[in-house]
Amino acid sequence: MFGIAIAEPDVTLTDWALALEALVLTVLARAYGRAWAAFFGSIAVAAALGGITHGFFPDPGALGGTV
């Protein structure tokens, strides 16, 4: 993909699918209160960042792996 290799494609895509699902739940949960929306929103952000970390920073000593 554009000359960039994804280190763990299965884990990366799973994390991004979870982030997408949590984003949808964030939008739906707004009807039930800000706390639920914040809960699902934080899961969406964490899953998206996890996908980026697993996919592009496989080395734990890399800058992205230490964040």
N, C-alpha and C. Protein backbone atom coordinates (compact mmCIF):
# COMPACT_ATOMS: atom_id res chain seq x y z
N MET A 1 0.84 -1.17 0.00
CA MET A 1 0.00 0.00 0.00
C MET A 1 0.89 1.23 0.00
N PHE A 2 1.04 1.87 -1.12
CA PHE A 2 1.84 3.08 -1.28
C PHE A 2 3.28 2.89 -0.84
N GLY A 3 3.80 1.66 -0.92
CA GLY A 3 5.17 1.39 -0.55
C GLY A 3 5.40 1.26 0.94
N ILE A 4 4.35 1.23 1.73
CA ILE A 4 4.48 1.10 3.18
C ILE A 4 4.02 -0.30 3.58
N ALA A 5 4.88 -1.01 4.28
CA ALA A 5 4.55 -2.36 4.72
C ALA A 5 3.88 -2.30 6.09
N ILE A 6 2.80 -3.04 6.24
CA ILE A 6 2.12 -3.15 7.53
C ILE A 6 2.68 -4.38 8.23
N ALA A 7 3.18 -4.19 9.45
CA ALA A 7 3.87 -5.26 10.16
C ALA A 7 2.93 -6.39 10.57
N GLU A 8 1.79 -6.07 11.16
CA GLU A 8 0.83 -7.06 11.63
C GLU A 8 -0.53 -6.72 11.02
N PRO A 9 -0.78 -7.11 9.77
CA PRO A 9 -2.01 -6.67 9.11
C PRO A 9 -3.28 -7.21 9.76
N ASP A 10 -3.25 -8.43 10.28
CA ASP A 10 -4.47 -8.98 10.89
C ASP A 10 -4.86 -8.20 12.15
N VAL A 11 -3.89 -7.90 12.99
CA VAL A 11 -4.16 -7.16 14.22
C VAL A 11 -4.54 -5.71 13.89
N THR A 12 -3.85 -5.13 12.92
CA THR A 12 -4.13 -3.75 12.53
C THR A 12 -5.56 -3.61 12.01
N LEU A 13 -5.96 -4.49 11.11
CA LEU A 13 -7.30 -4.40 10.55
C LEU A 13 -8.37 -4.69 11.60
N THR A 14 -8.09 -5.60 12.51
CA THR A 14 -9.03 -5.88 13.59
C THR A 14 -9.20 -4.66 14.50
N ASP A 15 -8.10 -4.01 14.83
CA ASP A 15 -8.17 -2.80 15.66
C ASP A 15 -8.96 -1.70 14.95
N TRP A 16 -8.72 -1.53 13.66
CA TRP A 16 -9.44 -0.49 12.93
C TRP A 16 -10.92 -0.83 12.78
N ALA A 17 -11.27 -2.11 12.65
CA ALA A 17 -12.68 -2.50 12.61
C ALA A 17 -13.35 -2.22 13.94
N LEU A 18 -12.65 -2.48 15.03
CA LEU A 18 -13.17 -2.17 16.35
C LEU A 18 -13.34 -0.67 16.53
N ALA A 19 -12.40 0.10 16.01
CA ALA A 19 -12.51 1.56 16.10
C ALA A 19 -13.72 2.06 15.32
N LEU A 20 -13.96 1.50 14.15
CA LEU A 20 -15.11 1.90 13.35
C LEU A 20 -16.42 1.54 14.06
N GLU A 21 -16.48 0.36 14.63
CA GLU A 21 -17.68 -0.04 15.37
C GLU A 21 -17.91 0.86 16.57
N ALA A 22 -16.86 1.17 17.30
CA ALA A 22 -17.00 2.04 18.46
C ALA A 22 -17.40 3.45 18.05
N LEU A 23 -16.93 3.89 16.89
CA LEU A 23 -17.33 5.21 16.39
C LEU A 23 -18.83 5.25 16.07
N VAL A 24 -19.32 4.19 15.47
CA VAL A 24 -20.76 4.10 15.19
C VAL A 24 -21.54 4.10 16.51
N LEU A 25 -21.08 3.34 17.47
CA LEU A 25 -21.75 3.31 18.77
C LEU A 25 -21.67 4.65 19.49
N THR A 26 -20.59 5.40 19.26
CA THR A 26 -20.48 6.74 19.83
C THR A 26 -21.59 7.64 19.31
N VAL A 27 -21.80 7.59 18.02
CA VAL A 27 -22.84 8.42 17.41
C VAL A 27 -24.22 7.99 17.92
N LEU A 28 -24.46 6.70 18.00
CA LEU A 28 -25.75 6.21 18.49
C LEU A 28 -25.95 6.48 19.98
N ALA A 29 -24.89 6.45 20.75
CA ALA A 29 -24.99 6.62 22.20
C ALA A 29 -25.22 8.06 22.62
N ARG A 30 -25.05 9.00 21.70
CA ARG A 30 -25.30 10.40 22.06
C ARG A 30 -26.73 10.62 22.53
N ALA A 31 -27.64 9.80 22.07
CA ALA A 31 -29.04 9.92 22.48
C ALA A 31 -29.23 9.51 23.94
N TYR A 32 -28.30 8.75 24.49
CA TYR A 32 -28.43 8.26 25.86
C TYR A 32 -27.58 9.02 26.86
N GLY A 33 -26.85 10.01 26.41
CA GLY A 33 -26.08 10.83 27.34
C GLY A 33 -24.63 10.96 26.92
N ARG A 34 -24.02 12.01 27.43
CA ARG A 34 -22.63 12.31 27.09
C ARG A 34 -21.66 11.28 27.65
N ALA A 35 -22.01 10.67 28.78
CA ALA A 35 -21.09 9.70 29.39
C ALA A 35 -20.92 8.48 28.50
N TRP A 36 -22.02 7.98 27.93
CA TRP A 36 -21.93 6.82 27.04
C TRP A 36 -21.19 7.18 25.76
N ALA A 37 -21.43 8.36 25.25
CA ALA A 37 -20.73 8.78 24.04
C ALA A 37 -19.23 8.91 24.31
N ALA A 38 -18.88 9.46 25.46
CA ALA A 38 -17.46 9.58 25.81
C ALA A 38 -16.82 8.21 26.01
N PHE A 39 -17.57 7.28 26.59
CA PHE A 39 -17.07 5.93 26.80
C PHE A 39 -16.73 5.26 25.48
N PHE A 40 -17.69 5.24 24.55
CA PHE A 40 -17.46 4.60 23.27
C PHE A 40 -16.46 5.39 22.42
N GLY A 41 -16.45 6.71 22.58
CA GLY A 41 -15.47 7.53 21.86
C GLY A 41 -14.05 7.23 22.28
N SER A 42 -13.86 7.03 23.59
CA SER A 42 -12.51 6.71 24.07
C SER A 42 -12.07 5.33 23.57
N ILE A 43 -13.00 4.40 23.48
CA ILE A 43 -12.66 3.08 22.92
C ILE A 43 -12.27 3.21 21.45
N ALA A 44 -12.99 4.06 20.71
CA ALA A 44 -12.68 4.26 19.29
C ALA A 44 -11.28 4.84 19.11
N VAL A 45 -10.93 5.82 19.93
CA VAL A 45 -9.60 6.44 19.83
C VAL A 45 -8.52 5.43 20.20
N ALA A 46 -8.74 4.68 21.27
CA ALA A 46 -7.74 3.70 21.71
C ALA A 46 -7.54 2.60 20.67
N ALA A 47 -8.62 2.14 20.06
CA ALA A 47 -8.49 1.10 19.05
C ALA A 47 -7.79 1.62 17.80
N ALA A 48 -8.10 2.85 17.39
CA ALA A 48 -7.44 3.42 16.22
C ALA A 48 -5.94 3.60 16.47
N LEU A 49 -5.59 4.09 17.64
CA LEU A 49 -4.17 4.24 17.96
C LEU A 49 -3.48 2.88 18.09
N GLY A 50 -4.20 1.89 18.60
CA GLY A 50 -3.64 0.54 18.67
C GLY A 50 -3.38 -0.03 17.29
N GLY A 51 -4.27 0.24 16.35
CA GLY A 51 -4.06 -0.23 14.98
C GLY A 51 -2.85 0.43 14.35
N ILE A 52 -2.68 1.71 14.60
CA ILE A 52 -1.51 2.41 14.06
C ILE A 52 -0.23 1.86 14.69
N THR A 53 -0.26 1.64 15.99
CA THR A 53 0.94 1.13 16.68
C THR A 53 1.29 -0.28 16.22
N HIS A 54 0.29 -1.17 16.14
CA HIS A 54 0.57 -2.54 15.72
C HIS A 54 0.99 -2.61 14.26
N GLY A 55 0.48 -1.72 13.44
CA GLY A 55 0.76 -1.80 12.02
C GLY A 55 2.06 -1.16 11.60
N PHE A 56 2.39 -0.05 12.22
CA PHE A 56 3.51 0.74 11.70
C PHE A 56 4.67 0.91 12.68
N PHE A 57 4.51 0.49 13.93
CA PHE A 57 5.60 0.59 14.91
C PHE A 57 5.76 -0.74 15.63
N PRO A 58 6.20 -1.79 14.92
CA PRO A 58 6.30 -3.11 15.55
C PRO A 58 7.41 -3.20 16.59
N ASP A 59 8.41 -2.34 16.49
CA ASP A 59 9.53 -2.36 17.42
C ASP A 59 9.15 -1.60 18.68
N PRO A 60 9.14 -2.26 19.86
CA PRO A 60 8.77 -1.58 21.09
C PRO A 60 9.69 -0.41 21.43
N GLY A 61 10.90 -0.40 20.92
CA GLY A 61 11.82 0.68 21.21
C GLY A 61 11.66 1.88 20.30
N ALA A 62 10.80 1.76 19.27
CA ALA A 62 10.58 2.88 18.36
C ALA A 62 9.79 3.97 19.05
N LEU A 63 9.84 5.17 18.51
CA LEU A 63 9.15 6.31 19.12
C LEU A 63 7.65 6.03 19.26
N GLY A 64 7.01 5.49 18.23
CA GLY A 64 5.59 5.19 18.30
C GLY A 64 5.26 4.09 19.28
N GLY A 65 6.19 3.17 19.50
CA GLY A 65 5.98 2.09 20.44
C GLY A 65 6.09 2.52 21.88
N THR A 66 6.77 3.62 22.14
CA THR A 66 6.92 4.09 23.51
C THR A 66 5.81 5.03 23.93
N VAL A 67 5.00 5.45 23.01
CA VAL A 67 3.91 6.39 23.35
C VAL A 67 2.76 5.64 23.95
